[in-house]
Amino acid sequence: MSDKKEVLQPALWTPRPVKETIAVYADWADNYDADVSARGYRTPDRLAAALALHTPTDVAVLDFGCGTGIGGAALRRAGFGVIDGTDVTAEMLEKAAAGGIYRKTWHSSPDDMGFDDGAYAVIAAIGVVSLGAAPPQTLAPLVAKLPVGGLLALSFNGPTLEDQSYTDALETEISLGHVEVIFREHGPHLDDVDMGSDVIILRRL
């Protein structure tokens, strides 16, 4: 059992400064894949499968907040062949780049996502805009990067669903007419703590 199990305890899902979040994931990079896989991390495959039902799999997909590449691997299993990845944590991104899944990767920052508006018609943000990871304020600029008709697939785990700030961020984008929800489904997230998540696919209006 990894000595980093505490990272998957509820203490992970708490608000913290961005720099502290990056430090948490930098320290976790070497053990992340083994930790989450051993504990039944189900959301990446659920999200990738849902996304494949709503867009051709030959489209280029940006795995935003790709971490070590677990999400990219799920996208590949779902049939997507052209996948790029970016992350704010250099140590996680190094693992992703070495995995052979991504066409290209780059190190982004909280202030600069590192890609042009409209560059990707499909963006996957698996567990990224969520409590303990990216703040709710990340959602609006990410939506704004999409072209009209573009898709953003994201997930809200249990603690995130209970945090009003994330719910409000999503509802604001909907109420302003920026996006519509074309898919939303609750299902398993982490088996070992019996946690669920919502997989959500938004279409840019």
Protein backbone atom coordinates (compact mmCIF):
# COMPACT_ATOMS: atom_id res chain seq x y z
CA MET A 1 0.00 0.00 0.00
CA SER A 2 1.37 3.38 -0.97
CA ASP A 3 2.44 5.71 1.80
CA LYS A 4 0.57 8.44 -0.08
CA LYS A 5 -2.85 6.97 0.57
CA GLU A 6 -3.71 10.05 2.60
CA VAL A 7 -3.80 12.01 -0.66
CA LEU A 8 -6.96 10.13 -1.60
CA GLN A 9 -8.56 10.74 1.72
CA PRO A 10 -11.18 13.53 1.95
CA ALA A 11 -8.41 16.00 2.91
CA LEU A 12 -7.50 16.09 -0.79
CA TRP A 13 -10.86 17.58 -1.65
CA THR A 14 -10.46 20.91 0.09
CA PRO A 15 -9.88 24.42 -1.26
CA ARG A 16 -6.21 25.40 -1.36
CA PRO A 17 -4.01 27.93 -3.15
CA VAL A 18 -3.03 26.95 -6.69
CA LYS A 19 0.67 26.80 -5.82
CA GLU A 20 -0.08 24.37 -3.01
CA THR A 21 -2.18 22.20 -5.33
CA ILE A 22 0.66 22.05 -7.84
CA ALA A 23 3.03 21.02 -5.04
CA VAL A 24 0.67 18.24 -3.94
CA TYR A 25 0.53 16.77 -7.43
CA ALA A 26 4.25 17.25 -8.04
CA ASP A 27 4.98 15.18 -4.94
CA TRP A 28 2.44 12.58 -6.03
CA ALA A 29 3.68 12.15 -9.62
CA ASP A 30 5.79 9.03 -9.10
CA ASN A 31 3.01 7.11 -7.35
CA TYR A 32 -0.11 8.63 -8.87
CA ASP A 33 -0.88 5.99 -11.50
CA ALA A 34 -0.43 3.08 -9.12
CA ASP A 35 -2.40 4.79 -6.37
CA VAL A 36 -5.50 5.72 -8.32
CA SER A 37 -5.55 2.57 -10.44
CA ALA A 38 -5.36 0.33 -7.40
CA ARG A 39 -8.29 2.17 -5.86
CA GLY A 40 -10.63 1.83 -8.79
CA TYR A 41 -10.50 5.15 -10.61
CA ARG A 42 -13.46 4.84 -12.97
CA THR A 43 -14.22 8.35 -14.21
CA PRO A 44 -11.66 8.56 -17.06
CA ASP A 45 -13.09 5.58 -18.93
CA ARG A 46 -16.66 6.69 -18.26
CA LEU A 47 -15.96 10.18 -19.61
CA ALA A 48 -14.04 8.95 -22.66
CA ALA A 49 -16.78 6.48 -23.58
CA ALA A 50 -19.45 9.18 -23.27
CA LEU A 51 -17.42 11.60 -25.36
CA ALA A 52 -17.00 9.01 -28.12
CA LEU A 53 -20.79 8.86 -28.43
CA HIS A 54 -20.98 12.59 -29.15
CA THR A 55 -18.10 13.28 -31.53
CA PRO A 56 -16.16 11.42 -34.22
CA THR A 57 -13.09 9.76 -32.72
CA ASP A 58 -10.81 11.06 -35.48
CA VAL A 59 -11.07 14.61 -34.09
CA ALA A 60 -8.09 16.06 -32.23
CA VAL A 61 -8.80 16.11 -28.49
CA LEU A 62 -7.05 18.24 -25.90
CA ASP A 63 -6.61 16.44 -22.59
CA PHE A 64 -6.60 19.56 -20.41
CA GLY A 65 -4.96 18.92 -17.05
CA CYS A 66 -3.67 15.61 -18.37
CA GLY A 67 -1.62 14.76 -15.30
CA THR A 68 0.39 11.60 -15.87
CA GLY A 69 -1.73 10.54 -18.83
CA ILE A 70 -4.42 8.34 -17.29
CA GLY A 71 -7.12 10.36 -19.06
CA GLY A 72 -5.27 10.20 -22.34
CA ALA A 73 -5.04 6.43 -22.06
CA ALA A 74 -8.80 6.27 -21.47
CA LEU A 75 -9.41 8.44 -24.53
CA ARG A 76 -7.20 6.13 -26.57
CA ARG A 77 -9.15 3.08 -25.35
CA ALA A 78 -12.37 4.82 -26.41
CA GLY A 79 -11.00 5.13 -29.94
CA PHE A 80 -9.54 8.64 -30.07
CA GLY A 81 -6.31 8.65 -32.03
CA VAL A 82 -5.11 12.27 -31.93
CA ILE A 83 -4.69 13.47 -28.37
CA ASP A 84 -2.67 16.43 -27.06
CA GLY A 85 -2.03 17.08 -23.41
CA THR A 86 -1.23 19.98 -21.12
CA ASP A 87 -0.81 20.33 -17.37
CA VAL A 88 0.37 22.89 -14.82
CA THR A 89 2.46 20.33 -12.91
CA ALA A 90 5.74 19.67 -14.70
CA GLU A 91 6.42 16.43 -12.85
CA MET A 92 3.06 14.95 -13.87
CA LEU A 93 3.44 16.19 -17.45
CA GLU A 94 6.83 14.52 -17.75
CA LYS A 95 5.18 11.17 -17.04
CA ALA A 96 2.47 11.88 -19.60
CA ALA A 97 4.94 12.89 -22.30
CA ALA A 98 6.92 9.69 -21.80
CA GLY A 99 3.86 7.47 -22.20
CA GLY A 100 3.61 7.65 -25.98
CA ILE A 101 -0.08 8.52 -25.97
CA TYR A 102 0.04 12.20 -26.85
CA ARG A 103 0.83 13.81 -30.19
CA LYS A 104 2.29 16.73 -28.24
CA THR A 105 2.34 18.03 -24.69
CA TRP A 106 3.15 21.38 -23.10
CA HIS A 107 3.48 22.89 -19.65
CA SER A 108 0.71 25.42 -19.08
CA SER A 109 0.13 27.77 -16.18
CA PRO A 110 -2.95 28.94 -14.27
CA ASP A 111 -2.68 32.24 -16.15
CA ASP A 112 -1.90 30.85 -19.60
CA MET A 113 -3.48 27.66 -20.94
CA GLY A 114 -1.02 27.69 -23.81
CA PHE A 115 -3.34 27.27 -26.79
CA ASP A 116 -5.30 29.61 -29.03
CA ASP A 117 -9.04 30.17 -28.93
CA GLY A 118 -10.76 27.69 -31.20
CA ALA A 119 -7.68 25.48 -31.55
CA TYR A 120 -9.57 22.42 -30.27
CA ALA A 121 -13.17 21.54 -31.03
CA VAL A 122 -13.08 18.90 -28.29
CA ILE A 123 -11.55 19.36 -24.84
CA ALA A 124 -11.56 16.77 -22.07
CA ALA A 125 -10.96 17.99 -18.51
CA ILE A 126 -11.13 14.81 -16.47
CA GLY A 127 -11.30 15.62 -12.77
CA VAL A 128 -9.62 18.96 -13.44
CA VAL A 129 -12.20 21.63 -12.58
CA SER A 130 -12.89 20.12 -9.18
CA LEU A 131 -12.37 20.61 -5.48
CA GLY A 132 -8.71 20.12 -4.62
CA ALA A 133 -7.60 20.64 -8.22
CA ALA A 134 -8.43 23.62 -10.48
CA PRO A 135 -10.71 26.28 -8.95
CA PRO A 136 -14.22 26.91 -10.29
CA GLN A 137 -12.97 30.09 -11.98
CA THR A 138 -11.18 27.84 -14.49
CA LEU A 139 -14.43 26.81 -16.16
CA ALA A 140 -15.40 30.08 -17.86
CA PRO A 141 -12.08 30.70 -19.66
CA LEU A 142 -11.94 27.05 -20.67
CA VAL A 143 -15.42 27.29 -22.20
CA ALA A 144 -14.35 30.49 -23.94
CA LYS A 145 -11.54 28.59 -25.70
CA LEU A 146 -14.06 26.44 -27.57
CA PRO A 147 -15.38 27.29 -31.03
CA VAL A 148 -19.15 27.41 -31.49
CA GLY A 149 -20.34 23.81 -31.51
CA GLY A 150 -17.23 22.62 -29.68
CA LEU A 151 -17.45 20.16 -26.81
CA LEU A 152 -16.06 20.27 -23.28
CA ALA A 153 -16.22 17.00 -21.34
CA LEU A 154 -15.61 17.32 -17.62
CA SER A 155 -16.36 15.56 -14.38
CA PHE A 156 -17.47 16.60 -10.91
CA ASN A 157 -16.70 14.09 -8.16
CA GLY A 158 -18.76 13.76 -4.99
CA PRO A 159 -17.10 16.51 -2.93
CA THR A 160 -17.17 18.85 -5.93
CA LEU A 161 -20.89 18.26 -6.42
CA GLU A 162 -21.39 19.33 -2.81
CA ASP A 163 -19.38 22.54 -3.26
CA GLN A 164 -21.73 25.32 -4.33
CA SER A 165 -19.00 27.32 -6.02
CA TYR A 166 -18.48 24.65 -8.69
CA THR A 167 -22.19 24.15 -9.20
CA ASP A 168 -22.61 27.91 -9.53
CA ALA A 169 -19.78 28.16 -12.07
CA LEU A 170 -21.47 25.59 -14.27
CA GLU A 171 -24.92 27.10 -13.89
CA THR A 172 -23.54 30.54 -14.76
CA GLU A 173 -22.11 29.29 -18.06
CA ILE A 174 -25.46 27.68 -18.85
CA SER A 175 -27.60 30.66 -17.83
CA LEU A 176 -25.44 33.09 -19.81
CA GLY A 177 -26.07 31.00 -22.90
CA HIS A 178 -22.44 30.06 -23.36
CA VAL A 179 -23.06 26.30 -23.28
CA GLU A 180 -25.76 23.67 -23.16
CA VAL A 181 -25.53 20.32 -21.40
CA ILE A 182 -25.84 17.49 -23.93
CA PHE A 183 -24.91 14.67 -21.56
CA ARG A 184 -24.82 14.25 -17.81
CA GLU A 185 -24.64 10.97 -15.94
CA HIS A 186 -23.77 9.98 -12.39
CA GLY A 187 -21.70 6.86 -11.85
CA PRO A 188 -18.68 5.40 -10.02
CA HIS A 189 -15.59 7.51 -9.46
CA LEU A 190 -13.36 5.85 -6.84
CA ASP A 191 -14.36 2.35 -5.82
CA ASP A 192 -12.30 2.13 -2.64
CA VAL A 193 -14.10 5.05 -0.99
CA ASP A 194 -17.45 4.38 -2.70
CA MET A 195 -17.39 7.82 -4.30
CA GLY A 196 -19.34 8.77 -7.41
CA SER A 197 -18.97 11.45 -10.02
CA ASP A 198 -21.00 13.21 -12.69
CA VAL A 199 -19.66 13.02 -16.23
CA ILE A 200 -20.82 16.15 -18.08
CA ILE A 201 -20.51 17.11 -21.74
CA LEU A 202 -21.11 20.73 -22.69
CA ARG A 203 -21.62 22.14 -26.20
CA ARG A 204 -20.50 25.70 -26.90
CA LEU A 205 -23.31 27.93 -28.15
